[in-house]
């Protein structure tokens, strides 16, 4: 068995079941981050290795939503509304372990639109 951990952020298709939790399998070293784009109603789900940074997830989000980061953009935890950008340097594992948004459901609102 390989000791190398997956380091790729994967987009999960709408037809792929992952269960209701942010970590689909207890032995899996990846978590599922769900991001709702409040501007257009799109939702993406990303399977993220524990050792990947929040910044990398943010970059993947912009790529999947086909957006460029703007000054007024907001990315917040759905439960509690805390800002995600401020934790960009943390890995996903550190982010969750520190108690930030344990269900990994985020809301994105662009600087010129949304709710």
PDB file of N, CA and C in Angstrom:
ATOM      1  N   UNK A   1       0.848  -1.189   0.000  1.00  0.00           N
ATOM      2  CA  UNK A   1       0.000   0.000   0.000  1.00  0.00           C
ATOM      3  C   UNK A   1       0.887   1.244   0.000  1.00  0.00           C
ATOM      4  N   UNK A   2       0.544   2.204  -0.784  1.00  0.00           N
ATOM      5  CA  UNK A   2       1.333   3.425  -0.915  1.00  0.00           C
ATOM      6  C   UNK A   2       1.097   4.348   0.270  1.00  0.00           C
ATOM      7  N   UNK A   3       2.191   4.957   0.747  1.00  0.00           N
ATOM      8  CA  UNK A   3       2.087   5.920   1.845  1.00  0.00           C
ATOM      9  C   UNK A   3       1.787   7.317   1.326  1.00  0.00           C
ATOM     10  N   UNK A   4       1.866   7.484   0.009  1.00  0.00           N
ATOM     11  CA  UNK A   4       1.657   8.802  -0.581  1.00  0.00           C
ATOM     12  C   UNK A   4       0.178   9.175  -0.516  1.00  0.00           C
ATOM     13  N   UNK A   5      -0.094  10.353  -0.034  1.00  0.00           N
ATOM     14  CA  UNK A   5      -1.463  10.832   0.085  1.00  0.00           C
ATOM     15  C   UNK A   5      -1.855  11.598  -1.171  1.00  0.00           C
ATOM     16  N   UNK A   6      -3.095  11.450  -1.568  1.00  0.00           N
ATOM     17  CA  UNK A   6      -3.604  12.181  -2.720  1.00  0.00           C
ATOM     18  C   UNK A   6      -3.522  13.676  -2.444  1.00  0.00           C
ATOM     19  N   UNK A   7      -3.070  14.441  -3.451  1.00  0.00           N
ATOM     20  CA  UNK A   7      -2.934  15.875  -3.254  1.00  0.00           C
ATOM     21  C   UNK A   7      -3.726  16.659  -4.292  1.00  0.00           C
ATOM     22  N   UNK A   8      -4.664  16.018  -4.915  1.00  0.00           N
ATOM     23  CA  UNK A   8      -5.446  16.669  -5.960  1.00  0.00           C
ATOM     24  C   UNK A   8      -6.837  16.987  -5.427  1.00  0.00           C
ATOM     25  N   UNK A   9      -7.298  18.200  -5.702  1.00  0.00           N
ATOM     26  CA  UNK A   9      -8.663  18.579  -5.369  1.00  0.00           C
ATOM     27  C   UNK A   9      -9.542  18.115  -6.513  1.00  0.00           C
ATOM     28  N   UNK A  10     -10.547  17.309  -6.200  1.00  0.00           N
ATOM     29  CA  UNK A  10     -11.440  16.773  -7.217  1.00  0.00           C
ATOM     30  C   UNK A  10     -12.814  17.421  -7.125  1.00  0.00           C
ATOM     31  N   UNK A  11     -13.400  17.684  -8.288  1.00  0.00           N
ATOM     32  CA  UNK A  11     -14.785  18.137  -8.333  1.00  0.00           C
ATOM     33  C   UNK A  11     -15.655  16.889  -8.299  1.00  0.00           C
ATOM     34  N   UNK A  12     -16.645  16.892  -7.433  1.00  0.00           N
ATOM     35  CA  UNK A  12     -17.555  15.758  -7.314  1.00  0.00           C
ATOM     36  C   UNK A  12     -18.783  16.048  -8.157  1.00  0.00           C
ATOM     37  N   UNK A  13     -19.111  15.137  -9.046  1.00  0.00           N
ATOM     38  CA  UNK A  13     -20.275  15.305  -9.903  1.00  0.00           C
ATOM     39  C   UNK A  13     -21.568  15.226  -9.117  1.00  0.00           C
ATOM     40  N   UNK A  14     -22.615  15.832  -9.683  1.00  0.00           N
ATOM     41  CA  UNK A  14     -23.917  15.845  -9.012  1.00  0.00           C
ATOM     42  C   UNK A  14     -24.461  14.439  -8.788  1.00  0.00           C
ATOM     43  N   UNK A  15     -24.086  13.501  -9.676  1.00  0.00           N
ATOM     44  CA  UNK A  15     -24.615  12.147  -9.574  1.00  0.00           C
ATOM     45  C   UNK A  15     -23.796  11.257  -8.648  1.00  0.00           C
ATOM     46  N   UNK A  16     -22.684  11.765  -8.124  1.00  0.00           N
ATOM     47  CA  UNK A  16     -21.826  10.977  -7.251  1.00  0.00           C
ATOM     48  C   UNK A  16     -22.242  11.181  -5.799  1.00  0.00           C
ATOM     49  N   UNK A  17     -22.612  10.100  -5.147  1.00  0.00           N
ATOM     50  CA  UNK A  17     -23.044  10.169  -3.754  1.00  0.00           C
ATOM     51  C   UNK A  17     -21.820  10.237  -2.849  1.00  0.00           C
ATOM     52  N   UNK A  18     -21.878  11.093  -1.845  1.00  0.00           N
ATOM     53  CA  UNK A  18     -20.792  11.194  -0.878  1.00  0.00           C
ATOM     54  C   UNK A  18     -21.307  11.123   0.550  1.00  0.00           C
ATOM     55  N   UNK A  19     -22.568  10.932   0.724  1.00  0.00           N
ATOM     56  CA  UNK A  19     -23.119  10.911   2.071  1.00  0.00           C
ATOM     57  C   UNK A  19     -23.339  12.314   2.587  1.00  0.00           C
ATOM     58  N   UNK A  20     -23.788  12.420   3.809  1.00  0.00           N
ATOM     59  CA  UNK A  20     -24.146  13.714   4.356  1.00  0.00           C
ATOM     60  C   UNK A  20     -23.068  14.378   5.178  1.00  0.00           C
ATOM     61  N   UNK A  21     -21.859  13.805   5.185  1.00  0.00           N
ATOM     62  CA  UNK A  21     -20.832  14.374   6.037  1.00  0.00           C
ATOM     63  C   UNK A  21     -19.682  14.937   5.219  1.00  0.00           C
ATOM     64  N   UNK A  22     -18.893  15.780   5.851  1.00  0.00           N
ATOM     65  CA  UNK A  22     -17.768  16.380   5.144  1.00  0.00           C
ATOM     66  C   UNK A  22     -16.642  15.374   4.910  1.00  0.00           C
ATOM     67  N   UNK A  23     -16.603  14.297   5.645  1.00  0.00           N
ATOM     68  CA  UNK A  23     -15.600  13.243   5.431  1.00  0.00           C
ATOM     69  C   UNK A  23     -16.372  11.979   5.049  1.00  0.00           C
ATOM     70  N   UNK A  24     -16.302  11.558   3.770  1.00  0.00           N
ATOM     71  CA  UNK A  24     -17.133  10.474   3.291  1.00  0.00           C
ATOM     72  C   UNK A  24     -16.833   9.105   3.879  1.00  0.00           C
ATOM     73  N   UNK A  25     -15.604   8.824   4.291  1.00  0.00           N
ATOM     74  CA  UNK A  25     -15.222   7.508   4.777  1.00  0.00           C
ATOM     75  C   UNK A  25     -14.244   7.723   5.928  1.00  0.00           C
ATOM     76  N   UNK A  26     -14.435   7.033   7.050  1.00  0.00           N
ATOM     77  CA  UNK A  26     -13.565   7.274   8.199  1.00  0.00           C
ATOM     78  C   UNK A  26     -12.073   7.100   7.905  1.00  0.00           C
ATOM     79  N   UNK A  27     -11.696   6.230   6.967  1.00  0.00           N
ATOM     80  CA  UNK A  27     -10.295   6.025   6.630  1.00  0.00           C
ATOM     81  C   UNK A  27      -9.784   6.961   5.550  1.00  0.00           C
ATOM     82  N   UNK A  28     -10.664   7.746   4.980  1.00  0.00           N
ATOM     83  CA  UNK A  28     -10.293   8.643   3.891  1.00  0.00           C
ATOM     84  C   UNK A  28      -9.600   9.871   4.460  1.00  0.00           C
ATOM     85  N   UNK A  29      -8.526  10.301   3.806  1.00  0.00           N
ATOM     86  CA  UNK A  29      -7.810  11.505   4.250  1.00  0.00           C
ATOM     87  C   UNK A  29      -8.218  12.705   3.413  1.00  0.00           C
ATOM     88  N   UNK A  30      -9.441  12.685   2.961  1.00  0.00           N
ATOM     89  CA  UNK A  30      -9.981  13.799   2.180  1.00  0.00           C
ATOM     90  C   UNK A  30     -11.321  14.197   2.791  1.00  0.00           C
ATOM     91  N   UNK A  31     -11.686  15.434   2.556  1.00  0.00           N
ATOM     92  CA  UNK A  31     -12.968  15.953   3.045  1.00  0.00           C
ATOM     93  C   UNK A  31     -13.712  16.559   1.878  1.00  0.00           C
ATOM     94  N   UNK A  32     -15.021  16.653   2.023  1.00  0.00           N
ATOM     95  CA  UNK A  32     -15.842  17.258   0.979  1.00  0.00           C
ATOM     96  C   UNK A  32     -16.220  18.665   1.424  1.00  0.00           C
ATOM     97  N   UNK A  33     -15.864  19.637   0.579  1.00  0.00           N
ATOM     98  CA  UNK A  33     -16.220  21.034   0.812  1.00  0.00           C
ATOM     99  C   UNK A  33     -17.325  21.378  -0.182  1.00  0.00           C
ATOM    100  N   UNK A  34     -18.442  21.881   0.326  1.00  0.00           N
ATOM    101  CA  UNK A  34     -19.565  22.281  -0.517  1.00  0.00           C
ATOM    102  C   UNK A  34     -19.651  23.797  -0.518  1.00  0.00           C
ATOM    103  N   UNK A  35     -19.699  24.374  -1.728  1.00  0.00           N
ATOM    104  CA  UNK A  35     -19.728  25.829  -1.842  1.00  0.00           C
ATOM    105  C   UNK A  35     -20.916  26.229  -2.698  1.00  0.00           C
ATOM    106  N   UNK A  36     -21.784  27.048  -2.121  1.00  0.00           N
ATOM    107  CA  UNK A  36     -22.954  27.565  -2.836  1.00  0.00           C
ATOM    108  C   UNK A  36     -22.649  28.965  -3.337  1.00  0.00           C
ATOM    109  N   UNK A  37     -22.832  29.167  -4.639  1.00  0.00           N
ATOM    110  CA  UNK A  37     -22.659  30.487  -5.243  1.00  0.00           C
ATOM    111  C   UNK A  37     -24.005  31.195  -5.142  1.00  0.00           C
ATOM    112  N   UNK A  38     -24.124  32.138  -4.233  1.00  0.00           N
ATOM    113  CA  UNK A  38     -25.387  32.835  -3.997  1.00  0.00           C
ATOM    114  C   UNK A  38     -25.736  33.800  -5.130  1.00  0.00           C
ATOM    115  N   UNK A  39     -24.763  34.104  -5.992  1.00  0.00           N
ATOM    116  CA  UNK A  39     -25.033  34.998  -7.120  1.00  0.00           C
ATOM    117  C   UNK A  39     -25.819  34.310  -8.225  1.00  0.00           C
ATOM    118  N   UNK A  40     -25.514  33.043  -8.492  1.00  0.00           N
ATOM    119  CA  UNK A  40     -26.159  32.370  -9.628  1.00  0.00           C
ATOM    120  C   UNK A  40     -26.829  31.051  -9.275  1.00  0.00           C
ATOM    121  N   UNK A  41     -26.772  30.620  -8.012  1.00  0.00           N
ATOM    122  CA  UNK A  41     -27.447  29.404  -7.592  1.00  0.00           C
ATOM    123  C   UNK A  41     -26.654  28.124  -7.820  1.00  0.00           C
ATOM    124  N   UNK A  42     -25.453  28.230  -8.398  1.00  0.00           N
ATOM    125  CA  UNK A  42     -24.631  27.037  -8.616  1.00  0.00           C
ATOM    126  C   UNK A  42     -24.064  26.532  -7.298  1.00  0.00           C
ATOM    127  N   UNK A  43     -23.850  25.227  -7.237  1.00  0.00           N
ATOM    128  CA  UNK A  43     -23.205  24.611  -6.090  1.00  0.00           C
ATOM    129  C   UNK A  43     -22.115  23.689  -6.608  1.00  0.00           C
ATOM    130  N   UNK A  44     -20.960  23.738  -5.970  1.00  0.00           N
ATOM    131  CA  UNK A  44     -19.905  22.790  -6.295  1.00  0.00           C
ATOM    132  C   UNK A  44     -19.540  22.020  -5.033  1.00  0.00           C
ATOM    133  N   UNK A  45     -19.118  20.798  -5.243  1.00  0.00           N
ATOM    134  CA  UNK A  45     -18.601  19.973  -4.153  1.00  0.00           C
ATOM    135  C   UNK A  45     -17.199  19.552  -4.557  1.00  0.00           C
ATOM    136  N   UNK A  46     -16.263  19.782  -3.651  1.00  0.00           N
ATOM    137  CA  UNK A  46     -14.862  19.483  -3.909  1.00  0.00           C
ATOM    138  C   UNK A  46     -14.365  18.464  -2.894  1.00  0.00           C
ATOM    139  N   UNK A  47     -13.701  17.422  -3.379  1.00  0.00           N
ATOM    140  CA  UNK A  47     -13.072  16.437  -2.497  1.00  0.00           C
ATOM    141  C   UNK A  47     -11.630  16.904  -2.319  1.00  0.00           C
ATOM    142  N   UNK A  48     -11.297  17.240  -1.067  1.00  0.00           N
ATOM    143  CA  UNK A  48     -10.048  17.927  -0.765  1.00  0.00           C
ATOM    144  C   UNK A  48      -9.201  17.095   0.204  1.00  0.00           C
ATOM    145  N   UNK A  49      -7.925  16.850  -0.145  1.00  0.00           N
ATOM    146  CA  UNK A  49      -7.033  16.171   0.796  1.00  0.00           C
ATOM    147  C   UNK A  49      -6.868  16.994   2.077  1.00  0.00           C
ATOM    148  N   UNK A  50      -6.777  16.315   3.211  1.00  0.00           N
ATOM    149  CA  UNK A  50      -6.610  16.991   4.501  1.00  0.00           C
ATOM    150  C   UNK A  50      -5.421  17.939   4.526  1.00  0.00           C
ATOM    151  N   UNK A  51      -4.356  17.623   3.768  1.00  0.00           N
ATOM    152  CA  UNK A  51      -3.146  18.431   3.823  1.00  0.00           C
ATOM    153  C   UNK A  51      -3.166  19.597   2.835  1.00  0.00           C
ATOM    154  N   UNK A  52      -4.275  19.774   2.123  1.00  0.00           N
ATOM    155  CA  UNK A  52      -4.396  20.897   1.177  1.00  0.00           C
ATOM    156  C   UNK A  52      -4.826  22.144   1.938  1.00  0.00           C
ATOM    157  N   UNK A  53      -4.378  23.301   1.461  1.00  0.00           N
ATOM    158  CA  UNK A  53      -4.709  24.545   2.158  1.00  0.00           C
ATOM    159  C   UNK A  53      -6.094  25.058   1.768  1.00  0.00           C
ATOM    160  N   UNK A  54      -6.635  25.854   2.658  1.00  0.00           N
ATOM    161  CA  UNK A  54      -7.896  26.543   2.366  1.00  0.00           C
ATOM    162  C   UNK A  54      -7.694  27.427   1.135  1.00  0.00           C
ATOM    163  N   UNK A  55      -6.518  28.035   0.987  1.00  0.00           N
ATOM    164  CA  UNK A  55      -6.228  28.877  -0.185  1.00  0.00           C
ATOM    165  C   UNK A  55      -6.374  28.087  -1.488  1.00  0.00           C
ATOM    166  N   UNK A  56      -5.909  26.844  -1.497  1.00  0.00           N
ATOM    167  CA  UNK A  56      -6.026  26.018  -2.701  1.00  0.00           C
ATOM    168  C   UNK A  56      -7.485  25.700  -3.010  1.00  0.00           C
ATOM    169  N   UNK A  57      -8.293  25.506  -1.960  1.00  0.00           N
ATOM    170  CA  UNK A  57      -9.723  25.261  -2.159  1.00  0.00           C
ATOM    171  C   UNK A  57     -10.382  26.518  -2.724  1.00  0.00           C
ATOM    172  N   UNK A  58      -9.993  27.673  -2.221  1.00  0.00           N
ATOM    173  CA  UNK A  58     -10.522  28.944  -2.729  1.00  0.00           C
ATOM    174  C   UNK A  58     -10.166  29.106  -4.203  1.00  0.00           C
ATOM    175  N   UNK A  59      -8.916  28.806  -4.560  1.00  0.00           N
ATOM    176  CA  UNK A  59      -8.501  28.888  -5.960  1.00  0.00           C
ATOM    177  C   UNK A  59      -9.318  27.940  -6.835  1.00  0.00           C
ATOM    178  N   UNK A  60      -9.539  26.721  -6.346  1.00  0.00           N
ATOM    179  CA  UNK A  60     -10.338  25.744  -7.100  1.00  0.00           C
ATOM    180  C   UNK A  60     -11.770  26.234  -7.269  1.00  0.00           C
ATOM    181  N   UNK A  61     -12.307  26.878  -6.232  1.00  0.00           N
ATOM    182  CA  UNK A  61     -13.663  27.426  -6.307  1.00  0.00           C
ATOM    183  C   UNK A  61     -13.758  28.464  -7.420  1.00  0.00           C
ATOM    184  N   UNK A  62     -12.827  29.399  -7.458  1.00  0.00           N
ATOM    185  CA  UNK A  62     -12.853  30.429  -8.498  1.00  0.00           C
ATOM    186  C   UNK A  62     -12.747  29.802  -9.885  1.00  0.00           C
ATOM    187  N   UNK A  63     -11.906  28.801 -10.008  1.00  0.00           N
ATOM    188  CA  UNK A  63     -11.758  28.124 -11.301  1.00  0.00           C
ATOM    189  C   UNK A  63     -13.070  27.448 -11.713  1.00  0.00           C
ATOM    190  N   UNK A  64     -13.688  26.734 -10.793  1.00  0.00           N
ATOM    191  CA  UNK A  64     -14.929  26.015 -11.113  1.00  0.00           C
ATOM    192  C   UNK A  64     -16.087  26.962 -11.388  1.00  0.00           C
ATOM    193  N   UNK A  65     -16.153  28.070 -10.683  1.00  0.00           N
ATOM    194  CA  UNK A  65     -17.208  29.063 -10.919  1.00  0.00           C
ATOM    195  C   UNK A  65     -16.857  29.986 -12.092  1.00  0.00           C
ATOM    196  N   UNK A  66     -15.649  29.820 -12.648  1.00  0.00           N
ATOM    197  CA  UNK A  66     -15.164  30.633 -13.770  1.00  0.00           C
ATOM    198  C   UNK A  66     -15.200  32.125 -13.430  1.00  0.00           C
ATOM    199  N   UNK A  67     -14.628  32.430 -12.284  1.00  0.00           N
ATOM    200  CA  UNK A  67     -14.614  33.806 -11.791  1.00  0.00           C
ATOM    201  C   UNK A  67     -13.191  34.239 -11.467  1.00  0.00           C
ATOM    202  N   UNK A  68     -13.004  35.530 -11.419  1.00  0.00           N
ATOM    203  CA  UNK A  68     -11.757  36.128 -10.960  1.00  0.00           C
ATOM    204  C   UNK A  68     -12.051  36.785  -9.622  1.00  0.00           C
ATOM    205  N   UNK A  69     -11.139  36.627  -8.681  1.00  0.00           N
ATOM    206  CA  UNK A  69     -11.374  37.193  -7.355  1.00  0.00           C
ATOM    207  C   UNK A  69     -11.432  38.712  -7.427  1.00  0.00           C
ATOM    208  N   UNK A  70     -12.448  39.267  -6.791  1.00  0.00           N
ATOM    209  CA  UNK A  70     -12.664  40.710  -6.725  1.00  0.00           C
ATOM    210  C   UNK A  70     -12.574  41.151  -5.267  1.00  0.00           C
ATOM    211  N   UNK A  71     -12.285  42.415  -5.064  1.00  0.00           N
ATOM    212  CA  UNK A  71     -12.097  42.972  -3.726  1.00  0.00           C
ATOM    213  C   UNK A  71     -13.287  42.730  -2.801  1.00  0.00           C
ATOM    214  N   UNK A  72     -14.494  42.889  -3.299  1.00  0.00           N
ATOM    215  CA  UNK A  72     -15.667  42.779  -2.443  1.00  0.00           C
ATOM    216  C   UNK A  72     -16.234  41.380  -2.282  1.00  0.00           C
ATOM    217  N   UNK A  73     -15.575  40.360  -2.823  1.00  0.00           N
ATOM    218  CA  UNK A  73     -16.075  38.988  -2.710  1.00  0.00           C
ATOM    219  C   UNK A  73     -16.141  38.555  -1.251  1.00  0.00           C
ATOM    220  N   UNK A  74     -17.150  37.728  -0.964  1.00  0.00           N
ATOM    221  CA  UNK A  74     -17.281  37.169   0.382  1.00  0.00           C
ATOM    222  C   UNK A  74     -17.394  35.655   0.278  1.00  0.00           C
ATOM    223  N   UNK A  75     -16.707  34.971   1.155  1.00  0.00           N
ATOM    224  CA  UNK A  75     -16.804  33.527   1.280  1.00  0.00           C
ATOM    225  C   UNK A  75     -16.935  33.245   2.762  1.00  0.00           C
ATOM    226  N   UNK A  76     -18.096  32.734   3.153  1.00  0.00           N
ATOM    227  CA  UNK A  76     -18.385  32.566   4.575  1.00  0.00           C
ATOM    228  C   UNK A  76     -18.899  31.164   4.861  1.00  0.00           C
ATOM    229  N   UNK A  77     -18.757  30.760   6.107  1.00  0.00           N
ATOM    230  CA  UNK A  77     -19.323  29.503   6.575  1.00  0.00           C
ATOM    231  C   UNK A  77     -20.836  29.662   6.632  1.00  0.00           C
ATOM    232  N   UNK A  78     -21.565  28.673   6.125  1.00  0.00           N
ATOM    233  CA  UNK A  78     -23.026  28.761   6.151  1.00  0.00           C
ATOM    234  C   UNK A  78     -23.573  28.826   7.574  1.00  0.00           C
ATOM    235  N   UNK A  79     -22.896  28.170   8.496  1.00  0.00           N
ATOM    236  CA  UNK A  79     -23.357  28.163   9.881  1.00  0.00           C
ATOM    237  C   UNK A  79     -22.475  29.092  10.698  1.00  0.00           C
ATOM    238  N   UNK A  80     -22.960  30.267  10.944  1.00  0.00           N
ATOM    239  CA  UNK A  80     -22.226  31.239  11.743  1.00  0.00           C
ATOM    240  C   UNK A  80     -21.709  32.420  10.954  1.00  0.00           C
ATOM    241  N   UNK A  81     -21.559  32.258   9.651  1.00  0.00           N
ATOM    242  CA  UNK A  81     -21.179  33.373   8.801  1.00  0.00           C
ATOM    243  C   UNK A  81     -19.740  33.845   8.924  1.00  0.00           C
ATOM    244  N   UNK A  82     -18.861  33.024   9.519  1.00  0.00           N
ATOM    245  CA  UNK A  82     -17.475  33.457   9.661  1.00  0.00           C
ATOM    246  C   UNK A  82     -16.758  33.467   8.311  1.00  0.00           C
ATOM    247  N   UNK A  83     -15.842  34.408   8.168  1.00  0.00           N
ATOM    248  CA  UNK A  83     -15.088  34.584   6.939  1.00  0.00           C
ATOM    249  C   UNK A  83     -14.127  33.421   6.720  1.00  0.00           C
ATOM    250  N   UNK A  84     -14.115  32.869   5.499  1.00  0.00           N
ATOM    251  CA  UNK A  84     -13.220  31.766   5.158  1.00  0.00           C
ATOM    252  C   UNK A  84     -11.856  32.288   4.706  1.00  0.00           C
ATOM    253  N   UNK A  85     -11.835  33.406   3.979  1.00  0.00           N
ATOM    254  CA  UNK A  85     -10.585  33.940   3.429  1.00  0.00           C
ATOM    255  C   UNK A  85      -9.496  34.118   4.496  1.00  0.00           C
ATOM    256  N   UNK A  86      -9.885  34.519   5.704  1.00  0.00           N
ATOM    257  CA  UNK A  86      -8.903  34.792   6.749  1.00  0.00           C
ATOM    258  C   UNK A  86      -8.145  33.543   7.188  1.00  0.00           C
ATOM    259  N   UNK A  87      -8.636  32.359   6.810  1.00  0.00           N
ATOM    260  CA  UNK A  87      -8.003  31.104   7.205  1.00  0.00           C
ATOM    261  C   UNK A  87      -7.268  30.441   6.046  1.00  0.00           C
ATOM    262  N   UNK A  88      -6.963  31.207   5.006  1.00  0.00           N
ATOM    263  CA  UNK A  88      -6.381  30.662   3.774  1.00  0.00           C
ATOM    264  C   UNK A  88      -5.082  29.889   4.006  1.00  0.00           C
ATOM    265  N   UNK A  89      -4.299  30.255   4.992  1.00  0.00           N
ATOM    266  CA  UNK A  89      -3.004  29.612   5.216  1.00  0.00           C
ATOM    267  C   UNK A  89      -3.118  28.245   5.902  1.00  0.00           C
ATOM    268  N   UNK A  90      -4.264  27.961   6.501  1.00  0.00           N
ATOM    269  CA  UNK A  90      -4.453  26.683   7.194  1.00  0.00           C
ATOM    270  C   UNK A  90      -4.704  25.557   6.202  1.00  0.00           C
ATOM    271  N   UNK A  91      -4.333  24.332   6.591  1.00  0.00           N
ATOM    272  CA  UNK A  91      -4.780  23.181   5.815  1.00  0.00           C
ATOM    273  C   UNK A  91      -6.241  22.923   6.176  1.00  0.00           C
ATOM    274  N   UNK A  92      -6.907  22.148   5.349  1.00  0.00           N
ATOM    275  CA  UNK A  92      -8.308  21.816   5.641  1.00  0.00           C
ATOM    276  C   UNK A  92      -8.402  21.095   6.987  1.00  0.00           C
ATOM    277  N   UNK A  93      -7.481  20.186   7.271  1.00  0.00           N
ATOM    278  CA  UNK A  93      -7.495  19.475   8.551  1.00  0.00           C
ATOM    279  C   UNK A  93      -7.342  20.447   9.717  1.00  0.00           C
ATOM    280  N   UNK A  94      -6.413  21.404   9.605  1.00  0.00           N
ATOM    281  CA  UNK A  94      -6.213  22.399  10.669  1.00  0.00           C
ATOM    282  C   UNK A  94      -7.442  23.279  10.830  1.00  0.00           C
ATOM    283  N   UNK A  95      -8.037  23.657   9.717  1.00  0.00           N
ATOM    284  CA  UNK A  95      -9.230  24.509   9.709  1.00  0.00           C
ATOM    285  C   UNK A  95     -10.371  23.846  10.485  1.00  0.00           C
ATOM    286  N   UNK A  96     -10.595  22.568  10.208  1.00  0.00           N
ATOM    287  CA  UNK A  96     -11.670  21.840  10.891  1.00  0.00           C
ATOM    288  C   UNK A  96     -11.300  21.582  12.353  1.00  0.00           C
ATOM    289  N   UNK A  97     -10.071  21.176  12.585  1.00  0.00           N
ATOM    290  CA  UNK A  97      -9.617  20.884  13.945  1.00  0.00           C
ATOM    291  C   UNK A  97      -9.732  22.110  14.848  1.00  0.00           C
ATOM    292  N   UNK A  98      -9.538  23.310  14.283  1.00  0.00           N
ATOM    293  CA  UNK A  98      -9.645  24.552  15.052  1.00  0.00           C
ATOM    294  C   UNK A  98     -11.097  24.958  15.300  1.00  0.00           C
ATOM    295  N   UNK A  99     -12.028  24.186  14.753  1.00  0.00           N
ATOM    296  CA  UNK A  99     -13.444  24.461  14.995  1.00  0.00           C
ATOM    297  C   UNK A  99     -14.089  25.395  13.999  1.00  0.00           C
ATOM    298  N   UNK A 100     -13.391  25.694  12.908  1.00  0.00           N
ATOM    299  CA  UNK A 100     -13.939  26.577  11.887  1.00  0.00           C
ATOM    300  C   UNK A 100     -14.820  25.766  10.941  1.00  0.00           C
ATOM    301  N   UNK A 101     -16.104  26.060  10.921  1.00  0.00           N
ATOM    302  CA  UNK A 101     -17.036  25.497   9.937  1.00  0.00           C
ATOM    303  C   UNK A 101     -16.875  23.981   9.770  1.00  0.00           C
ATOM    304  N   UNK A 102     -17.159  23.204  10.805  1.00  0.00           N
ATOM    305  CA  UNK A 102     -16.905  21.770  10.762  1.00  0.00           C
ATOM    306  C   UNK A 102     -17.623  21.002   9.649  1.00  0.00           C
ATOM    307  N   UNK A 103     -18.759  21.512   9.172  1.00  0.00           N
ATOM    308  CA  UNK A 103     -19.449  20.784   8.098  1.00  0.00           C
ATOM    309  C   UNK A 103     -18.955  21.188   6.703  1.00  0.00           C
ATOM    310  N   UNK A 104     -18.039  22.154   6.656  1.00  0.00           N
ATOM    311  CA  UNK A 104     -17.407  22.588   5.401  1.00  0.00           C
ATOM    312  C   UNK A 104     -18.416  22.965   4.317  1.00  0.00           C
ATOM    313  N   UNK A 105     -19.431  23.714   4.707  1.00  0.00           N
ATOM    314  CA  UNK A 105     -20.406  24.265   3.752  1.00  0.00           C
ATOM    315  C   UNK A 105     -20.231  25.773   3.745  1.00  0.00           C
ATOM    316  N   UNK A 106     -19.816  26.289   2.589  1.00  0.00           N
ATOM    317  CA  UNK A 106     -19.490  27.701   2.452  1.00  0.00           C
ATOM    318  C   UNK A 106     -20.435  28.379   1.475  1.00  0.00           C
ATOM    319  N   UNK A 107     -20.654  29.666   1.681  1.00  0.00           N
ATOM    320  CA  UNK A 107     -21.442  30.495   0.773  1.00  0.00           C
ATOM    321  C   UNK A 107     -20.524  31.537   0.116  1.00  0.00           C
ATOM    322  N   UNK A 108     -20.629  31.636  -1.210  1.00  0.00           N
ATOM    323  CA  UNK A 108     -19.868  32.628  -1.950  1.00  0.00           C
ATOM    324  C   UNK A 108     -20.818  33.697  -2.468  1.00  0.00           C
ATOM    325  N   UNK A 109     -20.421  34.968  -2.305  1.00  0.00           N
ATOM    326  CA  UNK A 109     -21.149  36.098  -2.870  1.00  0.00           C
ATOM    327  C   UNK A 109     -20.114  37.023  -3.513  1.00  0.00           C
ATOM    328  N   UNK A 110     -20.292  37.303  -4.793  1.00  0.00           N
ATOM    329  CA  UNK A 110     -19.373  38.194  -5.489  1.00  0.00           C
ATOM    330  C   UNK A 110     -19.535  39.621  -5.003  1.00  0.00           C
ATOM    331  N   UNK A 111     -18.494  40.409  -5.180  1.00  0.00           N
ATOM    332  CA  UNK A 111     -18.472  41.782  -4.702  1.00  0.00           C
ATOM    333  C   UNK A 111     -19.529  42.682  -5.289  1.00  0.00           C
ATOM    334  N   UNK A 112     -20.107  42.299  -6.427  1.00  0.00           N
ATOM    335  CA  UNK A 112     -21.109  43.151  -7.069  1.00  0.00           C
ATOM    336  C   UNK A 112     -22.475  42.501  -7.158  1.00  0.00           C
ATOM    337  N   UNK A 113     -22.682  41.391  -6.435  1.00  0.00           N
ATOM    338  CA  UNK A 113     -23.989  40.739  -6.550  1.00  0.00           C
ATOM    339  C   UNK A 113     -24.303  39.901  -5.343  1.00  0.00           C
ATOM    340  N   UNK A 114     -25.360  39.100  -5.461  1.00  0.00           N
ATOM    341  CA  UNK A 114     -25.745  38.158  -4.421  1.00  0.00           C
ATOM    342  C   UNK A 114     -26.607  38.762  -3.361  1.00  0.00           C
ATOM    343  N   UNK A 115     -26.813  37.942  -2.320  1.00  0.00           N
ATOM    344  CA  UNK A 115     -27.712  38.324  -1.238  1.00  0.00           C
ATOM    345  C   UNK A 115     -27.047  39.203  -0.220  1.00  0.00           C
TER     346      UNK A 115
END
